[in-house]
Amino acid sequence: VSPPPPQKPALETVRSSLRLLNASAYRLQSECRKTVPPEPGAAVDYQLLTQQVIQCAYDIAKAAKQLVTITTREKKQ
């Protein structure tokens, strides 16, 4: 007996989670690059940068949790 076909809402949720994961990872990489000033002596706002990195990490964790939840739910069905 083959499993039922994936449900449309689950697929959209997976796609949405993967988009968030991808965008957040890209943004995290971009924010981390800002820790190296473009020129010697250039000012870097480390407090703002830290907040941006924390937000990116949160978004990555949120997307990962969504994916785990979907995967776990589908395995139980």
N, C-alpha and C. Protein backbone atom coordinates (compact mmCIF):
# COMPACT_ATOMS: atom_id res chain seq x y z
N VAL A 1 0.86 -1.17 0.00
CA VAL A 1 0.00 0.00 0.00
C VAL A 1 0.90 1.23 0.00
N SER A 2 0.73 2.06 -0.98
CA SER A 2 1.55 3.27 -1.05
C SER A 2 0.93 4.37 -0.19
N PRO A 3 1.79 5.25 0.32
CA PRO A 3 1.28 6.34 1.16
C PRO A 3 0.46 7.30 0.32
N PRO A 4 -0.45 8.04 0.96
CA PRO A 4 -1.27 8.99 0.22
C PRO A 4 -0.38 10.11 -0.34
N PRO A 5 -0.80 10.73 -1.43
CA PRO A 5 0.01 11.82 -2.00
C PRO A 5 0.12 12.97 -1.02
N PRO A 6 1.23 13.72 -1.08
CA PRO A 6 1.40 14.85 -0.16
C PRO A 6 0.26 15.86 -0.32
N GLN A 7 -0.11 16.44 0.78
CA GLN A 7 -1.18 17.41 0.76
C GLN A 7 -0.66 18.77 0.32
N LYS A 8 -1.47 19.50 -0.39
CA LYS A 8 -1.09 20.80 -0.93
C LYS A 8 -0.66 21.78 0.17
N PRO A 9 -1.43 21.93 1.25
CA PRO A 9 -1.00 22.88 2.29
C PRO A 9 0.37 22.55 2.88
N ALA A 10 0.66 21.27 3.05
CA ALA A 10 1.96 20.88 3.59
C ALA A 10 3.07 21.26 2.63
N LEU A 11 2.83 21.07 1.34
CA LEU A 11 3.85 21.44 0.35
C LEU A 11 4.10 22.94 0.38
N GLU A 12 3.06 23.72 0.47
CA GLU A 12 3.22 25.18 0.53
C GLU A 12 3.95 25.59 1.79
N THR A 13 3.66 24.93 2.90
CA THR A 13 4.34 25.24 4.15
C THR A 13 5.82 24.89 4.05
N VAL A 14 6.13 23.77 3.43
CA VAL A 14 7.53 23.37 3.24
C VAL A 14 8.24 24.41 2.37
N ARG A 15 7.60 24.78 1.28
CA ARG A 15 8.22 25.78 0.39
C ARG A 15 8.44 27.09 1.12
N SER A 16 7.46 27.52 1.89
CA SER A 16 7.58 28.77 2.65
C SER A 16 8.72 28.68 3.66
N SER A 17 8.81 27.56 4.36
CA SER A 17 9.86 27.36 5.35
C SER A 17 11.24 27.34 4.69
N LEU A 18 11.33 26.69 3.54
CA LEU A 18 12.61 26.64 2.83
C LEU A 18 13.01 28.02 2.31
N ARG A 19 12.01 28.80 1.87
CA ARG A 19 12.33 30.18 1.43
C ARG A 19 12.85 31.01 2.60
N LEU A 20 12.19 30.89 3.76
CA LEU A 20 12.64 31.61 4.95
C LEU A 20 14.04 31.16 5.36
N LEU A 21 14.27 29.87 5.34
CA LEU A 21 15.59 29.33 5.69
C LEU A 21 16.66 29.85 4.76
N ASN A 22 16.40 29.80 3.47
CA ASN A 22 17.36 30.24 2.47
C ASN A 22 17.63 31.75 2.60
N ALA A 23 16.57 32.54 2.69
CA ALA A 23 16.73 33.99 2.79
C ALA A 23 17.47 34.38 4.08
N SER A 24 17.14 33.72 5.17
CA SER A 24 17.77 34.03 6.45
C SER A 24 19.25 33.64 6.46
N ALA A 25 19.56 32.52 5.86
CA ALA A 25 20.97 32.09 5.78
C ALA A 25 21.77 33.07 4.91
N TYR A 26 21.18 33.50 3.81
CA TYR A 26 21.85 34.47 2.94
C TYR A 26 22.06 35.79 3.69
N ARG A 27 21.02 36.22 4.41
CA ARG A 27 21.11 37.47 5.17
C ARG A 27 22.15 37.35 6.29
N LEU A 28 22.21 36.20 6.96
CA LEU A 28 23.19 35.98 8.01
C LEU A 28 24.61 36.09 7.44
N GLN A 29 24.82 35.48 6.29
CA GLN A 29 26.13 35.57 5.65
C GLN A 29 26.48 37.02 5.34
N SER A 30 25.52 37.75 4.84
CA SER A 30 25.73 39.16 4.51
C SER A 30 26.05 39.98 5.75
N GLU A 31 25.30 39.75 6.82
CA GLU A 31 25.54 40.49 8.08
C GLU A 31 26.91 40.17 8.65
N CYS A 32 27.32 38.91 8.57
CA CYS A 32 28.63 38.52 9.11
C CYS A 32 29.77 39.16 8.32
N ARG A 33 29.57 39.36 7.04
CA ARG A 33 30.60 40.02 6.23
C ARG A 33 30.82 41.46 6.67
N LYS A 34 29.79 42.06 7.26
CA LYS A 34 29.90 43.45 7.71
C LYS A 34 30.81 43.61 8.92
N THR A 35 31.20 42.50 9.55
CA THR A 35 32.09 42.61 10.71
C THR A 35 33.49 43.04 10.29
N VAL A 36 33.81 42.85 9.01
CA VAL A 36 35.10 43.29 8.48
C VAL A 36 34.85 44.60 7.75
N PRO A 37 35.36 45.72 8.29
CA PRO A 37 35.12 47.01 7.65
C PRO A 37 35.67 47.03 6.22
N PRO A 38 34.98 47.74 5.31
CA PRO A 38 35.43 47.80 3.92
C PRO A 38 36.80 48.47 3.77
N GLU A 39 37.12 49.30 4.71
CA GLU A 39 38.43 49.97 4.71
C GLU A 39 38.93 50.09 6.14
N PRO A 40 40.23 50.09 6.34
CA PRO A 40 40.78 50.20 7.69
C PRO A 40 40.28 51.48 8.39
N GLY A 41 39.88 51.32 9.61
CA GLY A 41 39.44 52.47 10.40
C GLY A 41 37.98 52.83 10.22
N ALA A 42 37.29 52.15 9.32
CA ALA A 42 35.86 52.43 9.12
C ALA A 42 35.08 51.96 10.34
N ALA A 43 34.07 52.73 10.71
CA ALA A 43 33.27 52.40 11.89
C ALA A 43 32.29 51.25 11.59
N VAL A 44 32.16 50.37 12.55
CA VAL A 44 31.20 49.27 12.45
C VAL A 44 30.30 49.35 13.68
N ASP A 45 28.99 49.38 13.48
CA ASP A 45 28.04 49.42 14.59
C ASP A 45 27.79 47.97 15.04
N TYR A 46 28.62 47.52 15.97
CA TYR A 46 28.55 46.12 16.40
C TYR A 46 27.27 45.80 17.17
N GLN A 47 26.70 46.79 17.82
CA GLN A 47 25.46 46.55 18.55
C GLN A 47 24.33 46.24 17.55
N LEU A 48 24.20 47.06 16.53
CA LEU A 48 23.18 46.83 15.50
C LEU A 48 23.46 45.52 14.77
N LEU A 49 24.71 45.29 14.45
CA LEU A 49 25.10 44.07 13.74
C LEU A 49 24.77 42.83 14.55
N THR A 50 25.01 42.90 15.86
CA THR A 50 24.68 41.78 16.73
C THR A 50 23.18 41.50 16.72
N GLN A 51 22.38 42.56 16.78
CA GLN A 51 20.92 42.39 16.74
C GLN A 51 20.47 41.77 15.42
N GLN A 52 21.10 42.17 14.32
CA GLN A 52 20.75 41.62 13.01
C GLN A 52 21.10 40.13 12.94
N VAL A 53 22.26 39.77 13.47
CA VAL A 53 22.69 38.37 13.46
C VAL A 53 21.76 37.53 14.33
N ILE A 54 21.36 38.06 15.48
CA ILE A 54 20.43 37.36 16.35
C ILE A 54 19.10 37.13 15.64
N GLN A 55 18.61 38.15 14.93
CA GLN A 55 17.34 38.01 14.20
C GLN A 55 17.46 36.95 13.11
N CYS A 56 18.58 36.95 12.39
CA CYS A 56 18.79 35.93 11.35
C CYS A 56 18.81 34.54 11.96
N ALA A 57 19.52 34.38 13.06
CA ALA A 57 19.60 33.08 13.72
C ALA A 57 18.21 32.63 14.18
N TYR A 58 17.43 33.56 14.69
CA TYR A 58 16.05 33.24 15.11
C TYR A 58 15.23 32.76 13.92
N ASP A 59 15.32 33.48 12.80
CA ASP A 59 14.56 33.11 11.62
C ASP A 59 14.98 31.74 11.07
N ILE A 60 16.27 31.44 11.15
CA ILE A 60 16.77 30.14 10.71
C ILE A 60 16.21 29.04 11.62
N ALA A 61 16.24 29.28 12.92
CA ALA A 61 15.71 28.30 13.87
C ALA A 61 14.20 28.10 13.67
N LYS A 62 13.49 29.18 13.41
CA LYS A 62 12.04 29.11 13.18
C LYS A 62 11.74 28.26 11.94
N ALA A 63 12.46 28.50 10.86
CA ALA A 63 12.24 27.74 9.63
C ALA A 63 12.58 26.26 9.84
N ALA A 64 13.67 26.00 10.55
CA ALA A 64 14.06 24.62 10.82
C ALA A 64 12.99 23.91 11.67
N LYS A 65 12.46 24.61 12.65
CA LYS A 65 11.42 24.02 13.49
C LYS A 65 10.17 23.71 12.67
N GLN A 66 9.80 24.61 11.76
CA GLN A 66 8.65 24.37 10.90
C GLN A 66 8.86 23.11 10.07
N LEU A 67 10.05 22.95 9.52
CA LEU A 67 10.33 21.78 8.70
C LEU A 67 10.29 20.49 9.52
N VAL A 68 10.85 20.54 10.72
CA VAL A 68 10.82 19.36 11.59
C VAL A 68 9.38 19.01 11.95
N THR A 69 8.59 20.01 12.26
CA THR A 69 7.18 19.79 12.62
C THR A 69 6.43 19.14 11.47
N ILE A 70 6.62 19.66 10.27
CA ILE A 70 5.94 19.10 9.09
C ILE A 70 6.38 17.66 8.85
N THR A 71 7.68 17.43 8.91
CA THR A 71 8.22 16.09 8.66
C THR A 71 7.70 15.10 9.69
N THR A 72 7.70 15.49 10.95
CA THR A 72 7.23 14.62 12.02
C THR A 72 5.74 14.32 11.86
N ARG A 73 4.98 15.33 11.50
CA ARG A 73 3.53 15.16 11.32
C ARG A 73 3.26 14.19 10.18
N GLU A 74 3.99 14.32 9.09
CA GLU A 74 3.76 13.46 7.93
C GLU A 74 4.17 12.01 8.20
N LYS A 75 5.21 11.82 9.01
CA LYS A 75 5.62 10.45 9.35
C LYS A 75 4.57 9.74 10.18
N LYS A 76 3.84 10.50 10.99
CA LYS A 76 2.82 9.90 11.85
C LYS A 76 1.57 9.51 11.06
N GLN A 77 1.37 10.12 9.91
CA GLN A 77 0.15 9.85 9.13
C GLN A 77 0.26 8.61 8.32
